[in-house]
Amino acid sequence: MRPRLAFALLASGAVLAGCATASQPAPAPAPAAAAPAEAPRLPSTMQWLYGSGEAAAASIQTYHAFRDFVLAAARSRPTQSVILEAGSSLDGPRFAPCGQKPLAVVLDVDETVIQNLGIEYDDALHAGRPFDEARWRRWEQTGGASVAPIPGAVTALRAVRDAGVTVIFNTNRSAANAEQTAAMLDRAGLGPARHGETLYLQGDVAAGSGKDPRRAAIATRYCVVALAGDQLGDFSDLFNVRSLPVPDRRRAAASAPFAALWGNGWFMLSNPVYGPSLRGTFDEVFPPETRWSDPQGETND
């Protein structure tokens, strides 16, 4: 085929193709891509407690102090426990005598020795969802692999046990889920925990979430030299009386006779995420004498 003829045939083919194309309907436009769902904002309290180096440092610091205090107590037996006796008040606390009972420590579980990362992740995805007791019990039953030990807890409890001091857990997890809770503590390196011996759960001694009846039962068998928790109720139910005003609750915890116990038998872990500590009005939290307003007034950034 000569080049001129080949060009003519190609040109005519292009024209025919163009006519065929023009006679067909234009394809429908592709559907617009859906905008990505906006990720929920992670609460700053969770960022701090579960993600920050500062929170890890604070809990390790607390557990160092806890360990050192307990080891010192094991070397020189105290005469009284750090558990309040029945009939005590915030103004007049009395502590259970030790006698010759073996030494023990009592710790809360949730956000004291373990972090509930699994359920807190789910809560963060569903901001504003109210607490659901049934959902929490399902977490107790199925979430044992989705936790992490509080930084510092594993090594501190190992040292305490090595010193011959019994480690007891007192938690408001359900007695119906005792097997799963004990397995979770073991898996996290915090056990052993045996229900009725070194693991006390809601429903074991008395109805309700108050921990004083369980502490009293433990104090009949042991000289408890240290308590650890993330809420004041982990030390005494007296702090959780609903009629106790927020400023009075804070004042009771921060003044005599209880001020002397912090770091000296009572050890508090930080928890800004949930619990009875998260209440108070502007007037209760900010006394009038502490308030400040910018003398320049409000400015637009």
Protein backbone atom coordinates (compact mmCIF):
# COMPACT_ATOMS: atom_id res chain seq x y z
CA MET A 1 0.00 0.00 0.00
CA ARG A 2 1.33 3.36 -0.98
CA PRO A 3 1.70 5.94 1.74
CA ARG A 4 -0.76 8.49 0.23
CA LEU A 5 -3.55 5.89 0.00
CA ALA A 6 -2.90 4.66 3.51
CA PHE A 7 -3.22 8.20 4.87
CA ALA A 8 -6.52 8.68 3.02
CA LEU A 9 -7.98 5.47 4.42
CA LEU A 10 -6.88 6.36 7.95
CA ALA A 11 -8.41 9.81 7.68
CA SER A 12 -11.76 8.47 6.45
CA GLY A 13 -11.78 5.92 9.30
CA ALA A 14 -11.23 8.69 11.83
CA VAL A 15 -14.18 10.66 10.44
CA LEU A 16 -16.48 7.64 10.62
CA ALA A 17 -15.38 6.92 14.17
CA GLY A 18 -16.07 10.50 15.12
CA CYS A 19 -19.59 10.29 13.65
CA ALA A 20 -20.29 7.08 15.52
CA THR A 21 -19.11 8.65 18.76
CA ALA A 22 -21.22 11.74 18.27
CA SER A 23 -24.38 9.63 17.79
CA GLN A 24 -24.03 7.87 21.20
CA PRO A 25 -25.27 9.41 24.49
CA ALA A 26 -22.62 10.79 26.82
CA PRO A 27 -21.79 8.45 29.74
CA ALA A 28 -23.34 9.31 33.10
CA PRO A 29 -20.96 11.13 35.43
CA ALA A 30 -19.34 9.01 38.13
CA PRO A 31 -20.99 9.42 41.54
CA ALA A 32 -19.18 11.85 43.79
CA ALA A 33 -17.08 10.20 46.46
CA ALA A 34 -18.73 10.34 49.86
CA ALA A 35 -17.07 12.76 52.23
CA PRO A 36 -15.12 10.84 54.88
CA ALA A 37 -16.93 10.66 58.19
CA GLU A 38 -15.40 13.06 60.66
CA ALA A 39 -13.55 11.15 63.34
CA PRO A 40 -15.03 11.70 66.81
CA ARG A 41 -13.03 14.02 68.99
CA LEU A 42 -11.15 12.09 71.64
CA PRO A 43 -11.88 13.58 75.09
CA SER A 44 -8.85 15.32 76.55
CA THR A 45 -9.31 13.34 79.78
CA MET A 46 -8.83 10.08 77.84
CA GLN A 47 -5.88 11.52 75.91
CA TRP A 48 -4.22 12.27 79.24
CA LEU A 49 -5.04 9.11 81.18
CA TYR A 50 -4.62 6.52 78.45
CA GLY A 51 -2.15 8.15 76.09
CA SER A 52 0.19 10.57 77.82
CA GLY A 53 3.65 10.04 79.20
CA GLU A 54 2.67 12.30 82.07
CA ALA A 55 -0.04 9.88 83.22
CA ALA A 56 2.38 6.95 82.95
CA ALA A 57 4.93 8.85 85.04
CA ALA A 58 2.34 9.77 87.66
CA SER A 59 1.16 6.18 88.13
CA ILE A 60 4.72 4.80 88.25
CA GLN A 61 5.54 7.43 90.86
CA THR A 62 2.52 6.36 92.93
CA TYR A 63 3.40 2.69 92.68
CA HIS A 64 7.02 3.35 93.65
CA ALA A 65 5.76 5.06 96.80
CA PHE A 66 3.22 2.28 97.41
CA ARG A 67 5.89 -0.43 97.11
CA ASP A 68 8.38 1.36 99.37
CA PHE A 69 5.76 2.03 102.04
CA VAL A 70 4.56 -1.58 102.08
CA LEU A 71 8.07 -3.02 102.23
CA ALA A 72 8.86 -0.75 105.17
CA ALA A 73 5.65 -1.85 106.92
CA ALA A 74 6.59 -5.48 106.38
CA ARG A 75 9.88 -4.88 108.22
CA SER A 76 8.23 -3.21 111.22
CA ARG A 77 4.69 -4.39 111.82
CA PRO A 78 2.12 -1.63 112.43
CA THR A 79 -0.30 -1.94 115.31
CA GLN A 80 -3.34 -0.79 113.35
CA SER A 81 -4.71 -1.26 109.87
CA VAL A 82 -5.41 1.55 107.39
CA ILE A 83 -9.03 0.35 107.10
CA LEU A 84 -11.63 2.35 108.99
CA GLU A 85 -13.71 0.51 111.56
CA ALA A 86 -17.50 0.47 111.42
CA GLY A 87 -18.96 3.48 113.19
CA SER A 88 -16.20 5.83 112.06
CA SER A 89 -17.02 9.29 110.76
CA LEU A 90 -15.11 11.84 108.71
CA ASP A 91 -14.59 13.79 111.91
CA GLY A 92 -13.79 10.77 114.07
CA PRO A 93 -12.09 7.93 112.18
CA ARG A 94 -11.06 4.76 113.98
CA PHE A 95 -8.83 2.12 112.43
CA ALA A 96 -9.02 -1.66 112.77
CA PRO A 97 -6.37 -3.18 115.08
CA CYS A 98 -3.78 -5.51 113.55
CA GLY A 99 -2.99 -7.92 116.33
CA GLN A 100 -1.09 -10.89 114.91
CA LYS A 101 -2.99 -11.06 111.62
CA PRO A 102 -0.95 -11.54 108.43
CA LEU A 103 -0.14 -8.45 106.37
CA ALA A 104 -2.07 -7.53 103.24
CA VAL A 105 -2.70 -4.68 100.81
CA VAL A 106 -6.07 -3.97 99.20
CA LEU A 107 -6.41 -2.40 95.76
CA ASP A 108 -9.26 -1.42 93.50
CA VAL A 109 -9.09 -2.89 89.97
CA ASP A 110 -10.46 -0.57 87.26
CA GLU A 111 -8.14 2.36 86.52
CA THR A 112 -6.13 1.37 89.60
CA VAL A 113 -4.31 -1.76 88.47
CA ILE A 114 -5.71 -2.05 84.93
CA GLN A 115 -6.82 0.38 82.24
CA ASN A 116 -10.08 -0.47 80.49
CA LEU A 117 -8.85 0.50 77.03
CA GLY A 118 -11.39 -1.57 75.12
CA ILE A 119 -14.57 -0.14 76.57
CA GLU A 120 -13.15 3.38 76.84
CA TYR A 121 -12.34 3.22 73.10
CA ASP A 122 -15.96 2.27 72.44
CA ASP A 123 -17.16 5.08 74.71
CA ALA A 124 -14.96 7.57 72.88
CA LEU A 125 -16.62 6.58 69.59
CA HIS A 126 -20.07 7.21 71.09
CA ALA A 127 -19.66 10.48 72.94
CA GLY A 128 -22.51 11.36 75.26
CA ARG A 129 -23.83 7.82 75.56
CA PRO A 130 -25.05 7.23 79.14
CA PHE A 131 -23.60 4.51 81.29
CA ASP A 132 -25.31 1.16 80.69
CA GLU A 133 -24.94 -1.43 83.46
CA ALA A 134 -25.75 -4.35 81.15
CA ARG A 135 -23.15 -3.19 78.63
CA TRP A 136 -20.54 -2.92 81.40
CA ARG A 137 -21.30 -6.49 82.53
CA ARG A 138 -20.82 -7.67 78.94
CA TRP A 139 -17.46 -5.92 78.99
CA GLU A 140 -16.53 -7.80 82.18
CA GLN A 141 -17.44 -11.07 80.46
CA THR A 142 -15.75 -10.54 77.09
CA GLY A 143 -13.19 -7.71 77.32
CA GLY A 144 -10.42 -9.36 79.32
CA ALA A 145 -7.93 -9.23 76.46
CA SER A 146 -8.53 -5.51 75.77
CA VAL A 147 -6.98 -4.08 78.93
CA ALA A 148 -3.47 -3.02 79.93
CA PRO A 149 -1.85 -2.94 83.37
CA ILE A 150 -1.42 0.49 84.93
CA PRO A 151 2.24 1.52 84.51
CA GLY A 152 4.15 0.51 87.62
CA ALA A 153 1.54 -1.87 89.00
CA VAL A 154 3.00 -5.21 87.88
CA THR A 155 6.47 -4.69 89.34
CA ALA A 156 5.14 -3.12 92.54
CA LEU A 157 2.76 -6.00 93.25
CA ARG A 158 5.49 -8.52 92.50
CA ALA A 159 7.75 -6.85 95.08
CA VAL A 160 4.92 -6.77 97.63
CA ARG A 161 4.22 -10.47 97.21
CA ASP A 162 7.94 -11.27 97.39
CA ALA A 163 7.98 -9.55 100.80
CA GLY A 164 5.31 -11.96 102.05
CA VAL A 165 2.42 -9.47 101.91
CA THR A 166 -0.87 -10.73 100.46
CA VAL A 167 -2.34 -8.74 97.55
CA ILE A 168 -6.15 -8.46 97.64
CA PHE A 169 -8.39 -6.84 95.03
CA ASN A 170 -11.66 -5.16 96.04
CA THR A 171 -13.71 -4.11 93.03
CA ASN A 172 -17.27 -3.34 92.02
CA ARG A 173 -17.12 -5.80 89.16
CA SER A 174 -19.88 -8.38 89.53
CA ALA A 175 -19.47 -11.57 91.53
CA ALA A 176 -21.28 -13.31 88.66
CA ASN A 177 -18.23 -12.58 86.49
CA ALA A 178 -15.61 -13.61 89.03
CA GLU A 179 -13.99 -16.18 86.74
CA GLN A 180 -13.52 -13.67 83.91
CA THR A 181 -12.18 -10.97 86.25
CA ALA A 182 -9.66 -13.34 87.83
CA ALA A 183 -8.52 -14.50 84.37
CA MET A 184 -8.17 -10.89 83.21
CA LEU A 185 -5.95 -9.99 86.18
CA ASP A 186 -3.81 -13.07 85.61
CA ARG A 187 -3.46 -12.31 81.90
CA ALA A 188 -2.37 -8.74 82.69
CA GLY A 189 0.39 -10.02 85.00
CA LEU A 190 -1.34 -8.77 88.16
CA GLY A 191 -2.58 -12.05 89.62
CA PRO A 192 -3.08 -14.49 91.07
CA ALA A 193 -6.57 -13.49 92.17
CA ARG A 194 -8.89 -16.04 93.80
CA HIS A 195 -12.52 -15.17 94.38
CA GLY A 196 -13.40 -15.08 98.06
CA GLU A 197 -9.75 -15.12 99.11
CA THR A 198 -7.83 -12.40 97.25
CA LEU A 199 -10.63 -11.10 95.02
CA TYR A 200 -13.71 -9.41 96.49
CA LEU A 201 -16.52 -8.39 94.17
CA GLN A 202 -19.85 -6.60 94.33
CA GLY A 203 -22.35 -8.87 96.01
CA ASP A 204 -19.82 -10.89 97.98
CA VAL A 205 -20.52 -9.42 101.42
CA ALA A 206 -23.47 -7.04 101.13
CA ALA A 207 -25.73 -5.64 98.45
CA GLY A 208 -24.80 -2.44 96.66
CA SER A 209 -21.61 -0.83 95.47
CA GLY A 210 -20.30 0.33 98.85
CA LYS A 211 -16.92 -1.22 99.61
CA ASP A 212 -16.81 -0.73 103.39
CA PRO A 213 -18.51 -4.09 104.17
CA ARG A 214 -15.93 -5.91 102.03
CA ARG A 215 -13.07 -3.97 103.61
CA ALA A 216 -14.39 -4.83 107.06
CA ALA A 217 -14.51 -8.53 106.14
CA ILE A 218 -10.92 -8.37 104.89
CA ALA A 219 -9.80 -6.57 108.06
CA THR A 220 -11.07 -9.46 110.21
CA ARG A 221 -8.51 -11.73 108.52
CA TYR A 222 -5.63 -9.40 107.67
CA CYS A 223 -3.66 -6.43 108.92
CA VAL A 224 -4.09 -4.17 105.88
CA VAL A 225 -1.08 -1.87 105.61
CA ALA A 226 -2.01 -0.05 102.38
CA LEU A 227 -5.00 0.78 100.20
CA ALA A 228 -4.85 1.92 96.57
CA GLY A 229 -7.61 3.26 94.35
CA ASP A 230 -8.68 5.91 91.89
CA GLN A 231 -11.75 7.18 93.80
CA LEU A 232 -12.24 8.23 97.41
CA GLY A 233 -14.73 5.38 97.79
CA ASP A 234 -11.79 2.99 97.44
CA PHE A 235 -10.73 4.18 100.89
CA SER A 236 -14.01 4.88 102.69
CA ASP A 237 -17.67 5.04 101.68
CA LEU A 238 -17.98 8.06 103.98
CA PHE A 239 -16.63 10.22 101.15
CA ASN A 240 -19.42 9.14 98.81
CA VAL A 241 -22.45 10.14 100.86
CA ARG A 242 -24.58 11.97 98.27
CA SER A 243 -25.56 14.71 100.71
CA LEU A 244 -21.90 15.65 101.26
CA PRO A 245 -21.34 18.91 99.32
CA VAL A 246 -18.51 18.96 96.80
CA PRO A 247 -16.40 21.54 98.73
CA ASP A 248 -16.85 19.60 102.00
CA ARG A 249 -15.82 16.35 100.32
CA ARG A 250 -12.65 17.95 99.03
CA ARG A 251 -11.97 19.57 102.39
CA ALA A 252 -12.36 16.26 104.23
CA ALA A 253 -9.90 14.52 101.89
CA ALA A 254 -7.36 17.32 102.07
CA SER A 255 -7.33 18.08 105.80
CA ALA A 256 -6.66 16.27 109.06
CA PRO A 257 -6.97 13.48 109.89
CA PHE A 258 -6.98 12.08 106.33
CA ALA A 259 -4.35 14.38 104.81
CA ALA A 260 -1.67 12.47 106.70
CA LEU A 261 -2.69 9.17 105.07
CA TRP A 262 -2.03 10.08 101.45
CA GLY A 263 1.25 8.43 100.55
CA ASN A 264 1.32 6.91 104.05
CA GLY A 265 -1.05 3.98 103.73
CA TRP A 266 -3.55 5.42 101.25
CA PHE A 267 -2.41 5.75 97.62
CA MET A 268 -4.50 7.54 94.99
CA LEU A 269 -4.24 6.89 91.24
CA SER A 270 -5.39 9.58 88.79
CA ASN A 271 -8.69 9.14 86.94
CA PRO A 272 -10.19 12.21 85.25
CA VAL A 273 -12.38 10.07 82.94
CA TYR A 274 -15.26 8.87 85.15
CA GLY A 275 -16.44 8.49 88.73
CA PRO A 276 -17.95 10.48 91.60
CA SER A 277 -15.12 13.02 91.47
CA LEU A 278 -16.57 14.50 88.27
CA ARG A 279 -19.21 16.80 89.67
CA GLY A 280 -19.48 20.32 90.99
CA THR A 281 -20.96 23.64 89.90
CA PHE A 282 -19.03 26.81 89.11
CA ASP A 283 -19.73 28.05 92.62
CA GLU A 284 -18.57 24.78 94.18
CA VAL A 285 -15.38 24.50 92.14
CA PHE A 286 -14.39 28.18 91.96
CA PRO A 287 -14.83 30.01 95.29
CA PRO A 288 -15.57 33.72 94.80
CA GLU A 289 -12.24 34.78 96.33
CA THR A 290 -10.30 32.83 93.67
CA ARG A 291 -11.98 34.28 90.56
CA TRP A 292 -10.24 36.54 88.07
CA SER A 293 -11.36 38.48 85.02
CA ASP A 294 -9.04 39.96 82.44
CA PRO A 295 -8.91 43.73 83.04
CA GLN A 296 -8.61 44.22 79.29
CA GLY A 297 -11.96 42.55 78.79
CA GLU A 298 -12.77 40.02 76.15
CA THR A 299 -10.76 40.14 72.93
CA ASN A 300 -11.35 38.51 69.58
CA ASP A 301 -8.45 36.29 68.52
